[in-house]
């Protein structure tokens, strides 16, 4: 797995990418083992889950990348449902009209 499966963010500390726990979860793969981990989540934490189509979106300057996504997720002045809209608009703007060939799925949960 090239990209972490999510981001955990809180108002008290900066956003952090979660560690990958194994290959992509899919019924197409047989006999794969996935690690299971528990992470502490507190009130006012934000959990962001996304597919690699978000961070792999291309423009003339390269890929959108995890750093840009982390920066947007760290903005706690915006509610989760508005943040998801901002991220998707930002990704489309970054692509600057280039076709996006990969799926783009994003979930933002404010705890």
N, C-alpha and C. Protein backbone atom coordinates (compact mmCIF):
# COMPACT_ATOMS: atom_id res chain seq x y z
N UNK A 1 0.85 -1.18 0.00
CA UNK A 1 0.00 0.00 0.00
C UNK A 1 0.89 1.23 0.00
N UNK A 2 0.78 2.05 -1.04
CA UNK A 2 1.64 3.19 -1.19
C UNK A 2 1.21 4.38 -0.35
N UNK A 3 -0.08 4.48 -0.05
CA UNK A 3 -0.58 5.63 0.69
C UNK A 3 -1.29 5.16 1.94
N UNK A 4 -1.22 5.98 2.99
CA UNK A 4 -1.92 5.60 4.22
C UNK A 4 -3.42 5.58 4.00
N UNK A 5 -4.14 4.79 4.77
CA UNK A 5 -5.58 4.67 4.57
C UNK A 5 -6.36 5.83 5.16
N UNK A 6 -5.72 6.76 5.82
CA UNK A 6 -6.47 7.86 6.40
C UNK A 6 -5.60 8.86 7.12
N UNK A 7 -6.27 9.89 7.65
CA UNK A 7 -5.60 10.95 8.40
C UNK A 7 -6.39 11.15 9.68
N UNK A 8 -5.67 11.29 10.79
CA UNK A 8 -6.29 11.62 12.07
C UNK A 8 -5.81 13.01 12.46
N UNK A 9 -6.76 13.88 12.77
CA UNK A 9 -6.43 15.27 13.07
C UNK A 9 -7.15 15.70 14.33
N UNK A 10 -6.50 16.56 15.11
CA UNK A 10 -7.15 17.11 16.30
C UNK A 10 -6.83 18.58 16.40
N UNK A 11 -7.60 19.30 17.18
CA UNK A 11 -7.36 20.72 17.37
C UNK A 11 -6.11 20.97 18.20
N UNK A 12 -5.67 19.96 18.96
CA UNK A 12 -4.51 20.12 19.84
C UNK A 12 -3.19 19.82 19.18
N UNK A 13 -3.20 19.04 18.09
CA UNK A 13 -1.95 18.68 17.43
C UNK A 13 -2.16 18.69 15.92
N UNK A 14 -1.06 18.60 15.20
CA UNK A 14 -1.16 18.63 13.74
C UNK A 14 -1.73 17.31 13.22
N UNK A 15 -2.19 17.34 12.00
CA UNK A 15 -2.75 16.15 11.38
C UNK A 15 -1.65 15.12 11.16
N UNK A 16 -2.01 13.85 11.29
CA UNK A 16 -1.04 12.77 11.11
C UNK A 16 -1.61 11.70 10.20
N UNK A 17 -0.81 11.25 9.27
CA UNK A 17 -1.21 10.16 8.39
C UNK A 17 -1.18 8.86 9.18
N UNK A 18 -2.22 8.06 9.05
CA UNK A 18 -2.26 6.76 9.71
C UNK A 18 -1.38 5.77 8.95
N UNK A 19 -0.87 4.79 9.63
CA UNK A 19 -0.03 3.79 9.00
C UNK A 19 -0.88 2.80 8.21
N UNK A 20 -0.37 2.37 7.09
CA UNK A 20 -1.03 1.35 6.30
C UNK A 20 -0.97 0.02 7.04
N UNK A 21 -2.04 -0.77 6.95
CA UNK A 21 -2.07 -2.05 7.66
C UNK A 21 -2.02 -3.25 6.71
N UNK A 22 -1.76 -3.01 5.44
CA UNK A 22 -1.66 -4.12 4.50
C UNK A 22 -2.12 -3.72 3.13
N UNK A 23 -2.28 -4.69 2.24
CA UNK A 23 -2.70 -4.39 0.87
C UNK A 23 -4.15 -3.92 0.83
N UNK A 24 -4.55 -3.44 -0.33
CA UNK A 24 -5.92 -2.97 -0.53
C UNK A 24 -6.91 -4.07 -0.13
N UNK A 25 -7.97 -3.68 0.57
CA UNK A 25 -9.00 -4.64 0.96
C UNK A 25 -9.94 -4.83 -0.22
N UNK A 26 -9.99 -6.06 -0.71
CA UNK A 26 -10.83 -6.34 -1.87
C UNK A 26 -11.18 -7.82 -1.89
N UNK A 27 -12.42 -8.15 -2.28
CA UNK A 27 -12.78 -9.57 -2.40
C UNK A 27 -12.06 -10.25 -3.57
N UNK A 28 -11.40 -9.46 -4.42
CA UNK A 28 -10.68 -10.04 -5.55
C UNK A 28 -9.41 -10.76 -5.11
N UNK A 29 -8.89 -10.41 -3.93
CA UNK A 29 -7.68 -11.03 -3.43
C UNK A 29 -8.04 -12.15 -2.46
N UNK A 30 -7.46 -13.30 -2.69
CA UNK A 30 -7.71 -14.43 -1.79
C UNK A 30 -6.46 -14.69 -0.95
N UNK A 31 -6.68 -15.18 0.24
CA UNK A 31 -5.61 -15.61 1.13
C UNK A 31 -4.65 -14.48 1.51
N UNK A 32 -5.13 -13.25 1.55
CA UNK A 32 -4.32 -12.15 2.05
C UNK A 32 -4.63 -11.96 3.52
N UNK A 33 -3.63 -11.53 4.28
CA UNK A 33 -3.85 -11.23 5.70
C UNK A 33 -3.70 -9.73 5.90
N UNK A 34 -4.59 -9.16 6.68
CA UNK A 34 -4.52 -7.75 7.00
C UNK A 34 -4.31 -7.61 8.49
N UNK A 35 -3.48 -6.65 8.87
CA UNK A 35 -3.26 -6.37 10.28
C UNK A 35 -4.41 -5.51 10.79
N UNK A 36 -4.76 -5.70 12.04
CA UNK A 36 -5.79 -4.89 12.66
C UNK A 36 -5.17 -4.11 13.79
N UNK A 37 -5.43 -2.80 13.85
CA UNK A 37 -4.91 -1.95 14.90
C UNK A 37 -6.04 -1.12 15.47
N UNK A 38 -5.87 -0.73 16.72
CA UNK A 38 -6.82 0.17 17.36
C UNK A 38 -6.10 1.48 17.63
N UNK A 39 -6.75 2.59 17.30
CA UNK A 39 -6.16 3.89 17.56
C UNK A 39 -7.08 4.67 18.48
N UNK A 40 -6.50 5.44 19.40
CA UNK A 40 -7.36 6.25 20.30
C UNK A 40 -7.91 7.45 19.55
N UNK A 41 -9.22 7.65 19.63
CA UNK A 41 -9.87 8.80 19.03
C UNK A 41 -10.61 9.52 20.14
N UNK A 42 -10.40 10.84 20.21
CA UNK A 42 -11.03 11.64 21.26
C UNK A 42 -12.05 12.58 20.65
N UNK A 43 -12.80 13.22 21.52
CA UNK A 43 -13.74 14.25 21.06
C UNK A 43 -12.96 15.34 20.33
N UNK A 44 -13.58 15.89 19.33
CA UNK A 44 -13.03 16.96 18.50
C UNK A 44 -11.90 16.47 17.60
N UNK A 45 -11.76 15.15 17.46
CA UNK A 45 -10.85 14.60 16.45
C UNK A 45 -11.58 14.55 15.12
N UNK A 46 -10.82 14.54 14.06
CA UNK A 46 -11.37 14.43 12.71
C UNK A 46 -10.66 13.25 12.04
N UNK A 47 -11.45 12.36 11.46
CA UNK A 47 -10.92 11.21 10.74
C UNK A 47 -11.25 11.39 9.27
N UNK A 48 -10.23 11.30 8.42
CA UNK A 48 -10.41 11.47 6.98
C UNK A 48 -9.90 10.20 6.29
N UNK A 49 -10.79 9.56 5.55
CA UNK A 49 -10.44 8.37 4.78
C UNK A 49 -10.56 8.71 3.31
N UNK A 50 -9.66 8.18 2.48
CA UNK A 50 -9.64 8.57 1.07
C UNK A 50 -9.00 7.49 0.23
N UNK A 51 -9.34 7.49 -1.04
CA UNK A 51 -8.68 6.59 -1.98
C UNK A 51 -7.47 7.30 -2.58
N UNK A 52 -6.58 6.53 -3.17
CA UNK A 52 -5.37 7.13 -3.72
C UNK A 52 -5.65 8.03 -4.92
N UNK A 53 -6.86 7.95 -5.48
CA UNK A 53 -7.22 8.84 -6.57
C UNK A 53 -7.20 10.31 -6.16
N UNK A 54 -7.36 10.59 -4.87
CA UNK A 54 -7.29 11.97 -4.37
C UNK A 54 -5.84 12.46 -4.45
N UNK A 55 -4.93 11.76 -3.80
CA UNK A 55 -3.54 12.23 -3.70
C UNK A 55 -2.74 12.00 -4.98
N UNK A 56 -3.20 11.10 -5.84
CA UNK A 56 -2.48 10.82 -7.08
C UNK A 56 -2.94 11.69 -8.26
N UNK A 57 -3.92 12.57 -8.05
CA UNK A 57 -4.39 13.45 -9.12
C UNK A 57 -3.21 14.26 -9.65
N UNK A 58 -3.08 14.30 -10.97
CA UNK A 58 -1.92 14.92 -11.61
C UNK A 58 -2.22 16.31 -12.16
N UNK A 59 -1.19 17.16 -12.15
CA UNK A 59 -1.21 18.44 -12.86
C UNK A 59 0.16 18.58 -13.51
N UNK A 60 0.42 19.72 -14.13
CA UNK A 60 1.72 19.94 -14.75
C UNK A 60 2.86 19.89 -13.73
N UNK A 61 2.56 20.19 -12.47
CA UNK A 61 3.59 20.22 -11.44
C UNK A 61 3.77 18.89 -10.71
N UNK A 62 3.03 17.85 -11.11
CA UNK A 62 3.16 16.54 -10.46
C UNK A 62 1.87 16.12 -9.79
N UNK A 63 1.99 15.28 -8.77
CA UNK A 63 0.82 14.74 -8.07
C UNK A 63 0.35 15.69 -6.98
N UNK A 64 -0.95 15.64 -6.69
CA UNK A 64 -1.55 16.47 -5.64
C UNK A 64 -0.84 16.22 -4.31
N UNK A 65 -0.69 14.98 -3.94
CA UNK A 65 0.12 14.60 -2.79
C UNK A 65 -0.55 14.66 -1.43
N UNK A 66 0.03 13.93 -0.52
CA UNK A 66 -0.47 13.83 0.85
C UNK A 66 -0.30 15.13 1.62
N UNK A 67 0.80 15.85 1.38
CA UNK A 67 1.05 17.10 2.12
C UNK A 67 -0.05 18.13 1.90
N UNK A 68 -0.51 18.29 0.66
CA UNK A 68 -1.60 19.23 0.38
C UNK A 68 -2.87 18.82 1.11
N UNK A 69 -3.15 17.52 1.11
CA UNK A 69 -4.34 17.02 1.78
C UNK A 69 -4.23 17.23 3.29
N UNK A 70 -3.07 16.95 3.86
CA UNK A 70 -2.86 17.16 5.30
C UNK A 70 -3.08 18.62 5.68
N UNK A 71 -2.62 19.53 4.84
CA UNK A 71 -2.78 20.95 5.12
C UNK A 71 -4.26 21.35 5.18
N UNK A 72 -5.05 20.86 4.22
CA UNK A 72 -6.47 21.17 4.22
C UNK A 72 -7.19 20.54 5.41
N UNK A 73 -6.84 19.31 5.75
CA UNK A 73 -7.49 18.60 6.86
C UNK A 73 -7.21 19.30 8.19
N UNK A 74 -6.07 19.96 8.30
CA UNK A 74 -5.70 20.64 9.55
C UNK A 74 -6.54 21.87 9.85
N UNK A 75 -7.32 22.33 8.88
CA UNK A 75 -8.17 23.51 9.07
C UNK A 75 -9.43 23.13 9.85
N UNK A 76 -9.40 23.32 11.16
CA UNK A 76 -10.53 22.93 12.00
C UNK A 76 -11.60 24.01 12.10
N UNK A 77 -11.42 25.12 11.40
CA UNK A 77 -12.44 26.17 11.43
C UNK A 77 -13.60 25.83 10.48
N UNK A 78 -13.43 24.77 9.69
CA UNK A 78 -14.44 24.35 8.72
C UNK A 78 -15.05 23.03 9.17
N UNK A 79 -16.39 22.94 9.12
CA UNK A 79 -17.05 21.68 9.48
C UNK A 79 -16.73 20.60 8.45
N UNK A 80 -16.84 19.35 8.88
CA UNK A 80 -16.45 18.21 8.05
C UNK A 80 -17.11 18.16 6.69
N UNK A 81 -18.43 18.39 6.62
CA UNK A 81 -19.11 18.29 5.33
C UNK A 81 -18.65 19.39 4.38
N UNK A 82 -18.31 20.56 4.91
CA UNK A 82 -17.78 21.63 4.07
C UNK A 82 -16.34 21.35 3.67
N UNK A 83 -15.58 20.74 4.59
CA UNK A 83 -14.19 20.39 4.28
C UNK A 83 -14.13 19.41 3.12
N UNK A 84 -15.02 18.42 3.12
CA UNK A 84 -14.99 17.44 2.02
C UNK A 84 -15.25 18.13 0.68
N UNK A 85 -16.17 19.10 0.66
CA UNK A 85 -16.42 19.86 -0.57
C UNK A 85 -15.19 20.67 -0.97
N UNK A 86 -14.54 21.30 0.02
CA UNK A 86 -13.34 22.10 -0.26
C UNK A 86 -12.22 21.23 -0.83
N UNK A 87 -12.02 20.06 -0.24
CA UNK A 87 -10.96 19.17 -0.72
C UNK A 87 -11.22 18.76 -2.16
N UNK A 88 -12.46 18.35 -2.47
CA UNK A 88 -12.76 17.91 -3.83
C UNK A 88 -12.62 19.06 -4.82
N UNK A 89 -13.05 20.26 -4.45
CA UNK A 89 -12.87 21.43 -5.32
C UNK A 89 -11.39 21.73 -5.52
N UNK A 90 -10.62 21.63 -4.44
CA UNK A 90 -9.19 21.89 -4.51
C UNK A 90 -8.48 20.89 -5.43
N UNK A 91 -8.87 19.63 -5.33
CA UNK A 91 -8.28 18.59 -6.18
C UNK A 91 -8.62 18.85 -7.65
N UNK A 92 -9.88 19.18 -7.94
CA UNK A 92 -10.27 19.48 -9.33
C UNK A 92 -9.55 20.71 -9.86
N UNK A 93 -9.43 21.73 -9.01
CA UNK A 93 -8.69 22.94 -9.42
C UNK A 93 -7.23 22.60 -9.70
N UNK A 94 -6.63 21.76 -8.86
CA UNK A 94 -5.24 21.34 -9.04
C UNK A 94 -5.07 20.62 -10.37
N UNK A 95 -6.03 19.78 -10.73
CA UNK A 95 -5.95 19.03 -11.99
C UNK A 95 -6.01 19.96 -13.20
N UNK A 96 -6.55 21.15 -13.02
CA UNK A 96 -6.58 22.19 -14.07
C UNK A 96 -7.15 21.67 -15.39
N UNK A 97 -8.26 20.94 -15.31
CA UNK A 97 -8.91 20.48 -16.53
C UNK A 97 -8.40 19.16 -17.07
N UNK A 98 -7.33 18.63 -16.50
CA UNK A 98 -6.85 17.31 -16.93
C UNK A 98 -7.88 16.25 -16.58
N UNK A 99 -8.04 15.23 -17.40
CA UNK A 99 -8.98 14.17 -17.05
C UNK A 99 -8.48 13.40 -15.82
N UNK A 100 -9.39 13.02 -14.96
CA UNK A 100 -9.06 12.23 -13.77
C UNK A 100 -9.52 10.81 -14.04
N UNK A 101 -8.57 9.88 -14.07
CA UNK A 101 -8.86 8.51 -14.48
C UNK A 101 -9.10 7.56 -13.32
N UNK A 102 -8.72 7.95 -12.11
CA UNK A 102 -8.86 7.07 -10.95
C UNK A 102 -10.07 7.50 -10.13
N UNK A 103 -10.66 6.55 -9.40
CA UNK A 103 -11.78 6.91 -8.54
C UNK A 103 -11.31 7.84 -7.43
N UNK A 104 -12.20 8.73 -7.00
CA UNK A 104 -11.90 9.66 -5.93
C UNK A 104 -12.99 9.55 -4.88
N UNK A 105 -12.64 8.90 -3.78
CA UNK A 105 -13.59 8.71 -2.69
C UNK A 105 -13.00 9.37 -1.44
N UNK A 106 -13.84 10.09 -0.72
CA UNK A 106 -13.39 10.84 0.44
C UNK A 106 -14.46 10.79 1.52
N UNK A 107 -14.07 10.48 2.75
CA UNK A 107 -14.97 10.48 3.90
C UNK A 107 -14.34 11.34 4.98
N UNK A 108 -15.09 12.33 5.49
CA UNK A 108 -14.64 13.17 6.57
C UNK A 108 -15.59 12.99 7.74
N UNK A 109 -15.07 12.57 8.89
CA UNK A 109 -15.90 12.36 10.07
C UNK A 109 -15.36 13.20 11.23
N UNK A 110 -16.18 14.13 11.71
CA UNK A 110 -15.84 14.90 12.91
C UNK A 110 -16.42 14.19 14.11
N UNK A 111 -15.56 13.86 15.05
CA UNK A 111 -15.98 13.10 16.24
C UNK A 111 -16.42 14.06 17.34
